[in-house]
Amino acid sequence: MCPHQPPCPLAEAPDRDAAQLLTHCPEQGWSLLCNGVVCFEDTGELLPDGQPIGPRRPLMALGAVA
């Protein structure tokens, strides 16, 4: 149970990355959030049930069309 007020988003929620940071290990490239989600520096995630979420890639900006 999340002790924060307002409570952190659940691991299944679309905004799960907004949960409070519990542990940060930059030398290993991961962080643990209050909702149990492990976030990796490549933007991939591991949910508490073991389900992996692939890295989010930034969209390439489209050039101006003349």
PDB file of N, CA and C in Angstrom:
ATOM      1  N   MET A   1       0.845  -1.185   0.000  1.00  0.00           N
ATOM      2  CA  MET A   1       0.000   0.000   0.000  1.00  0.00           C
ATOM      3  C   MET A   1       0.886   1.243   0.000  1.00  0.00           C
ATOM      4  N   CYS A   2       0.610   2.143  -0.867  1.00  0.00           N
ATOM      5  CA  CYS A   2       1.397   3.366  -1.011  1.00  0.00           C
ATOM      6  C   CYS A   2       1.109   4.323   0.152  1.00  0.00           C
ATOM      7  N   PRO A   3       2.169   4.799   0.838  1.00  0.00           N
ATOM      8  CA  PRO A   3       1.968   5.725   1.949  1.00  0.00           C
ATOM      9  C   PRO A   3       1.868   7.190   1.514  1.00  0.00           C
ATOM     10  N   HIS A   4       2.051   7.476   0.231  1.00  0.00           N
ATOM     11  CA  HIS A   4       2.076   8.863  -0.231  1.00  0.00           C
ATOM     12  C   HIS A   4       0.675   9.428  -0.395  1.00  0.00           C
ATOM     13  N   GLN A   5       0.568  10.736  -0.246  1.00  0.00           N
ATOM     14  CA  GLN A   5      -0.693  11.439  -0.466  1.00  0.00           C
ATOM     15  C   GLN A   5      -0.473  12.528  -1.497  1.00  0.00           C
ATOM     16  N   PRO A   6      -1.156  12.537  -2.601  1.00  0.00           N
ATOM     17  CA  PRO A   6      -2.082  11.497  -3.049  1.00  0.00           C
ATOM     18  C   PRO A   6      -1.315  10.213  -3.369  1.00  0.00           C
ATOM     19  N   PRO A   7      -2.021   9.081  -3.347  1.00  0.00           N
ATOM     20  CA  PRO A   7      -1.353   7.789  -3.598  1.00  0.00           C
ATOM     21  C   PRO A   7      -0.712   7.738  -4.988  1.00  0.00           C
ATOM     22  N   CYS A   8       0.365   7.003  -5.095  1.00  0.00           N
ATOM     23  CA  CYS A   8       1.047   6.825  -6.379  1.00  0.00           C
ATOM     24  C   CYS A   8       0.153   6.010  -7.323  1.00  0.00           C
ATOM     25  N   PRO A   9       0.303   6.228  -8.640  1.00  0.00           N
ATOM     26  CA  PRO A   9      -0.455   5.431  -9.610  1.00  0.00           C
ATOM     27  C   PRO A   9      -0.084   3.948  -9.488  1.00  0.00           C
ATOM     28  N   LEU A  10      -1.052   3.095  -9.734  1.00  0.00           N
ATOM     29  CA  LEU A  10      -0.811   1.649  -9.707  1.00  0.00           C
ATOM     30  C   LEU A  10       0.122   1.249 -10.841  1.00  0.00           C
ATOM     31  N   ALA A  11       0.752   0.099 -10.702  1.00  0.00           N
ATOM     32  CA  ALA A  11       1.679  -0.397 -11.723  1.00  0.00           C
ATOM     33  C   ALA A  11       0.975  -0.640 -13.050  1.00  0.00           C
ATOM     34  N   GLU A  12      -0.327  -0.926 -13.029  1.00  0.00           N
ATOM     35  CA  GLU A  12      -1.087  -1.195 -14.246  1.00  0.00           C
ATOM     36  C   GLU A  12      -1.595   0.079 -14.909  1.00  0.00           C
ATOM     37  N   ALA A  13      -1.482   1.216 -14.230  1.00  0.00           N
ATOM     38  CA  ALA A  13      -2.017   2.479 -14.746  1.00  0.00           C
ATOM     39  C   ALA A  13      -1.133   3.036 -15.858  1.00  0.00           C
ATOM     40  N   PRO A  14      -1.726   3.757 -16.807  1.00  0.00           N
ATOM     41  CA  PRO A  14      -0.924   4.349 -17.894  1.00  0.00           C
ATOM     42  C   PRO A  14       0.113   5.356 -17.384  1.00  0.00           C
ATOM     43  N   ASP A  15      -0.164   5.996 -16.252  1.00  0.00           N
ATOM     44  CA  ASP A  15       0.762   6.991 -15.698  1.00  0.00           C
ATOM     45  C   ASP A  15       1.640   6.412 -14.578  1.00  0.00           C
ATOM     46  N   ARG A  16       1.924   5.103 -14.647  1.00  0.00           N
ATOM     47  CA  ARG A  16       2.692   4.410 -13.601  1.00  0.00           C
ATOM     48  C   ARG A  16       4.053   5.038 -13.342  1.00  0.00           C
ATOM     49  N   ASP A  17       4.642   5.712 -14.340  1.00  0.00           N
ATOM     50  CA  ASP A  17       5.957   6.340 -14.173  1.00  0.00           C
ATOM     51  C   ASP A  17       5.925   7.545 -13.244  1.00  0.00           C
ATOM     52  N   ALA A  18       4.732   8.023 -12.882  1.00  0.00           N
ATOM     53  CA  ALA A  18       4.598   9.174 -11.989  1.00  0.00           C
ATOM     54  C   ALA A  18       4.719   8.782 -10.518  1.00  0.00           C
ATOM     55  N   ALA A  19       4.885   7.499 -10.218  1.00  0.00           N
ATOM     56  CA  ALA A  19       5.038   7.046  -8.834  1.00  0.00           C
ATOM     57  C   ALA A  19       6.351   7.571  -8.239  1.00  0.00           C
ATOM     58  N   GLN A  20       6.382   7.680  -6.921  1.00  0.00           N
ATOM     59  CA  GLN A  20       7.563   8.175  -6.214  1.00  0.00           C
ATOM     60  C   GLN A  20       8.740   7.204  -6.358  1.00  0.00           C
ATOM     61  N   LEU A  21       9.924   7.754  -6.439  1.00  0.00           N
ATOM     62  CA  LEU A  21      11.162   6.980  -6.546  1.00  0.00           C
ATOM     63  C   LEU A  21      11.535   6.431  -5.172  1.00  0.00           C
ATOM     64  N   LEU A  22      11.772   5.123  -5.080  1.00  0.00           N
ATOM     65  CA  LEU A  22      12.216   4.509  -3.828  1.00  0.00           C
ATOM     66  C   LEU A  22      13.713   4.270  -3.813  1.00  0.00           C
ATOM     67  N   THR A  23      14.230   3.727  -4.913  1.00  0.00           N
ATOM     68  CA  THR A  23      15.651   3.377  -5.015  1.00  0.00           C
ATOM     69  C   THR A  23      16.141   3.730  -6.405  1.00  0.00           C
ATOM     70  N   HIS A  24      17.344   4.283  -6.458  1.00  0.00           N
ATOM     71  CA  HIS A  24      17.934   4.648  -7.750  1.00  0.00           C
ATOM     72  C   HIS A  24      19.348   4.084  -7.796  1.00  0.00           C
ATOM     73  N   CYS A  25      19.641   3.270  -8.791  1.00  0.00           N
ATOM     74  CA  CYS A  25      20.971   2.663  -8.959  1.00  0.00           C
ATOM     75  C   CYS A  25      21.521   3.044 -10.331  1.00  0.00           C
ATOM     76  N   PRO A  26      22.047   4.272 -10.471  1.00  0.00           N
ATOM     77  CA  PRO A  26      22.522   4.724 -11.779  1.00  0.00           C
ATOM     78  C   PRO A  26      23.670   3.890 -12.328  1.00  0.00           C
ATOM     79  N   GLU A  27      24.489   3.329 -11.442  1.00  0.00           N
ATOM     80  CA  GLU A  27      25.604   2.509 -11.918  1.00  0.00           C
ATOM     81  C   GLU A  27      25.125   1.213 -12.572  1.00  0.00           C
ATOM     82  N   GLN A  28      23.913   0.777 -12.229  1.00  0.00           N
ATOM     83  CA  GLN A  28      23.340  -0.416 -12.838  1.00  0.00           C
ATOM     84  C   GLN A  28      22.242  -0.082 -13.845  1.00  0.00           C
ATOM     85  N   GLY A  29      21.821   1.189 -13.907  1.00  0.00           N
ATOM     86  CA  GLY A  29      20.871   1.634 -14.915  1.00  0.00           C
ATOM     87  C   GLY A  29      19.411   1.364 -14.613  1.00  0.00           C
ATOM     88  N   TRP A  30      19.030   1.304 -13.332  1.00  0.00           N
ATOM     89  CA  TRP A  30      17.625   1.070 -13.009  1.00  0.00           C
ATOM     90  C   TRP A  30      17.208   1.858 -11.783  1.00  0.00           C
ATOM     91  N   SER A  31      15.865   1.998 -11.660  1.00  0.00           N
ATOM     92  CA  SER A  31      15.253   2.663 -10.511  1.00  0.00           C
ATOM     93  C   SER A  31      14.009   1.874 -10.115  1.00  0.00           C
ATOM     94  N   LEU A  32      13.697   1.870  -8.817  1.00  0.00           N
ATOM     95  CA  LEU A  32      12.497   1.209  -8.307  1.00  0.00           C
ATOM     96  C   LEU A  32      11.515   2.272  -7.857  1.00  0.00           C
ATOM     97  N   LEU A  33      10.286   2.175  -8.344  1.00  0.00           N
ATOM     98  CA  LEU A  33       9.233   3.115  -7.978  1.00  0.00           C
ATOM     99  C   LEU A  33       8.372   2.537  -6.864  1.00  0.00           C
ATOM    100  N   CYS A  34       7.619   3.398  -6.187  1.00  0.00           N
ATOM    101  CA  CYS A  34       6.771   3.011  -5.066  1.00  0.00           C
ATOM    102  C   CYS A  34       5.744   1.937  -5.436  1.00  0.00           C
ATOM    103  N   ASN A  35       5.302   1.930  -6.678  1.00  0.00           N
ATOM    104  CA  ASN A  35       4.295   0.962  -7.119  1.00  0.00           C
ATOM    105  C   ASN A  35       4.901  -0.385  -7.524  1.00  0.00           C
ATOM    106  N   GLY A  36       6.207  -0.556  -7.320  1.00  0.00           N
ATOM    107  CA  GLY A  36       6.854  -1.821  -7.618  1.00  0.00           C
ATOM    108  C   GLY A  36       7.410  -1.933  -9.020  1.00  0.00           C
ATOM    109  N   VAL A  37       7.274  -0.905  -9.829  1.00  0.00           N
ATOM    110  CA  VAL A  37       7.787  -0.910 -11.202  1.00  0.00           C
ATOM    111  C   VAL A  37       9.286  -0.622 -11.186  1.00  0.00           C
ATOM    112  N   VAL A  38      10.043  -1.419 -11.927  1.00  0.00           N
ATOM    113  CA  VAL A  38      11.470  -1.165 -12.116  1.00  0.00           C
ATOM    114  C   VAL A  38      11.607  -0.461 -13.469  1.00  0.00           C
ATOM    115  N   CYS A  39      12.187   0.735 -13.448  1.00  0.00           N
ATOM    116  CA  CYS A  39      12.403   1.519 -14.667  1.00  0.00           C
ATOM    117  C   CYS A  39      13.871   1.436 -15.035  1.00  0.00           C
ATOM    118  N   PHE A  40      14.147   1.172 -16.301  1.00  0.00           N
ATOM    119  CA  PHE A  40      15.518   1.092 -16.789  1.00  0.00           C
ATOM    120  C   PHE A  40      15.874   2.361 -17.546  1.00  0.00           C
ATOM    121  N   GLU A  41      17.166   2.683 -17.604  1.00  0.00           N
ATOM    122  CA  GLU A  41      17.586   3.934 -18.236  1.00  0.00           C
ATOM    123  C   GLU A  41      17.292   3.981 -19.730  1.00  0.00           C
ATOM    124  N   ASP A  42      17.046   2.833 -20.368  1.00  0.00           N
ATOM    125  CA  ASP A  42      16.674   2.833 -21.791  1.00  0.00           C
ATOM    126  C   ASP A  42      15.170   3.044 -21.982  1.00  0.00           C
ATOM    127  N   THR A  43      14.450   3.368 -20.908  1.00  0.00           N
ATOM    128  CA  THR A  43      13.011   3.612 -20.819  1.00  0.00           C
ATOM    129  C   THR A  43      12.182   2.338 -20.819  1.00  0.00           C
ATOM    130  N   GLY A  44      12.802   1.173 -20.770  1.00  0.00           N
ATOM    131  CA  GLY A  44      12.059  -0.065 -20.588  1.00  0.00           C
ATOM    132  C   GLY A  44      11.630  -0.180 -19.131  1.00  0.00           C
ATOM    133  N   GLU A  45      10.668  -1.051 -18.869  1.00  0.00           N
ATOM    134  CA  GLU A  45      10.155  -1.229 -17.510  1.00  0.00           C
ATOM    135  C   GLU A  45       9.895  -2.700 -17.239  1.00  0.00           C
ATOM    136  N   LEU A  46       9.885  -3.043 -15.969  1.00  0.00           N
ATOM    137  CA  LEU A  46       9.516  -4.377 -15.522  1.00  0.00           C
ATOM    138  C   LEU A  46       8.440  -4.191 -14.467  1.00  0.00           C
ATOM    139  N   LEU A  47       7.242  -4.730 -14.741  1.00  0.00           N
ATOM    140  CA  LEU A  47       6.128  -4.599 -13.811  1.00  0.00           C
ATOM    141  C   LEU A  47       6.292  -5.597 -12.664  1.00  0.00           C
ATOM    142  N   PRO A  48       5.619  -5.358 -11.540  1.00  0.00           N
ATOM    143  CA  PRO A  48       5.764  -6.260 -10.387  1.00  0.00           C
ATOM    144  C   PRO A  48       5.409  -7.716 -10.677  1.00  0.00           C
ATOM    145  N   ASP A  49       4.526  -7.963 -11.648  1.00  0.00           N
ATOM    146  CA  ASP A  49       4.155  -9.343 -11.981  1.00  0.00           C
ATOM    147  C   ASP A  49       5.146 -10.004 -12.937  1.00  0.00           C
ATOM    148  N   GLY A  50       6.231  -9.280 -13.284  1.00  0.00           N
ATOM    149  CA  GLY A  50       7.252  -9.828 -14.166  1.00  0.00           C
ATOM    150  C   GLY A  50       7.069  -9.481 -15.631  1.00  0.00           C
ATOM    151  N   GLN A  51       5.989  -8.798 -15.972  1.00  0.00           N
ATOM    152  CA  GLN A  51       5.738  -8.430 -17.370  1.00  0.00           C
ATOM    153  C   GLN A  51       6.704  -7.328 -17.805  1.00  0.00           C
ATOM    154  N   PRO A  52       7.452  -7.569 -18.888  1.00  0.00           N
ATOM    155  CA  PRO A  52       8.343  -6.523 -19.400  1.00  0.00           C
ATOM    156  C   PRO A  52       7.590  -5.546 -20.288  1.00  0.00           C
ATOM    157  N   ILE A  53       7.981  -4.287 -20.219  1.00  0.00           N
ATOM    158  CA  ILE A  53       7.463  -3.247 -21.096  1.00  0.00           C
ATOM    159  C   ILE A  53       8.663  -2.743 -21.885  1.00  0.00           C
ATOM    160  N   GLY A  54       8.601  -2.832 -23.199  1.00  0.00           N
ATOM    161  CA  GLY A  54       9.725  -2.442 -24.051  1.00  0.00           C
ATOM    162  C   GLY A  54      10.039  -0.962 -23.957  1.00  0.00           C
ATOM    163  N   PRO A  55      11.256  -0.611 -24.304  1.00  0.00           N
ATOM    164  CA  PRO A  55      11.659   0.800 -24.288  1.00  0.00           C
ATOM    165  C   PRO A  55      10.792   1.634 -25.224  1.00  0.00           C
ATOM    166  N   ARG A  56      10.535   2.860 -24.791  1.00  0.00           N
ATOM    167  CA  ARG A  56       9.816   3.823 -25.635  1.00  0.00           C
ATOM    168  C   ARG A  56      10.863   4.589 -26.425  1.00  0.00           C
ATOM    169  N   ARG A  57      10.719   4.611 -27.688  1.00  0.00           N
ATOM    170  CA  ARG A  57      11.662   5.329 -28.564  1.00  0.00           C
ATOM    171  C   ARG A  57      11.074   6.698 -28.892  1.00  0.00           C
ATOM    172  N   PRO A  58      11.881   7.750 -28.870  1.00  0.00           N
ATOM    173  CA  PRO A  58      11.361   9.068 -29.264  1.00  0.00           C
ATOM    174  C   PRO A  58      10.990   9.073 -30.729  1.00  0.00           C
ATOM    175  N   LEU A  59       9.921   9.776 -31.040  1.00  0.00           N
ATOM    176  CA  LEU A  59       9.500   9.885 -32.436  1.00  0.00           C
ATOM    177  C   LEU A  59      10.458  10.817 -33.167  1.00  0.00           C
ATOM    178  N   MET A  60      10.780  10.473 -34.386  1.00  0.00           N
ATOM    179  CA  MET A  60      11.647  11.317 -35.199  1.00  0.00           C
ATOM    180  C   MET A  60      10.836  12.526 -35.663  1.00  0.00           C
ATOM    181  N   ALA A  61      11.421  13.687 -35.547  1.00  0.00           N
ATOM    182  CA  ALA A  61      10.742  14.900 -36.015  1.00  0.00           C
ATOM    183  C   ALA A  61      10.714  14.894 -37.539  1.00  0.00           C
ATOM    184  N   LEU A  62       9.570  15.219 -38.079  1.00  0.00           N
ATOM    185  CA  LEU A  62       9.431  15.266 -39.528  1.00  0.00           C
ATOM    186  C   LEU A  62       9.943  16.614 -40.027  1.00  0.00           C
ATOM    187  N   GLY A  63      10.640  16.602 -41.128  1.00  0.00           N
ATOM    188  CA  GLY A  63      11.137  17.847 -41.721  1.00  0.00           C
ATOM    189  C   GLY A  63       9.987  18.660 -42.301  1.00  0.00           C
ATOM    190  N   ALA A  64      10.214  19.916 -42.442  1.00  0.00           N
ATOM    191  CA  ALA A  64       9.191  20.807 -43.013  1.00  0.00           C
ATOM    192  C   ALA A  64       8.949  20.423 -44.473  1.00  0.00           C
ATOM    193  N   VAL A  65       7.710  20.424 -44.851  1.00  0.00           N
ATOM    194  CA  VAL A  65       7.330  20.105 -46.223  1.00  0.00           C
ATOM    195  C   VAL A  65       7.116  21.417 -46.964  1.00  0.00           C
ATOM    196  N   ALA A  66       7.770  21.572 -48.102  1.00  0.00           N
ATOM    197  CA  ALA A  66       7.661  22.830 -48.862  1.00  0.00           C
ATOM    198  C   ALA A  66       6.469  22.823 -49.768  1.00  0.00           C
TER     199      ALA A  66
END
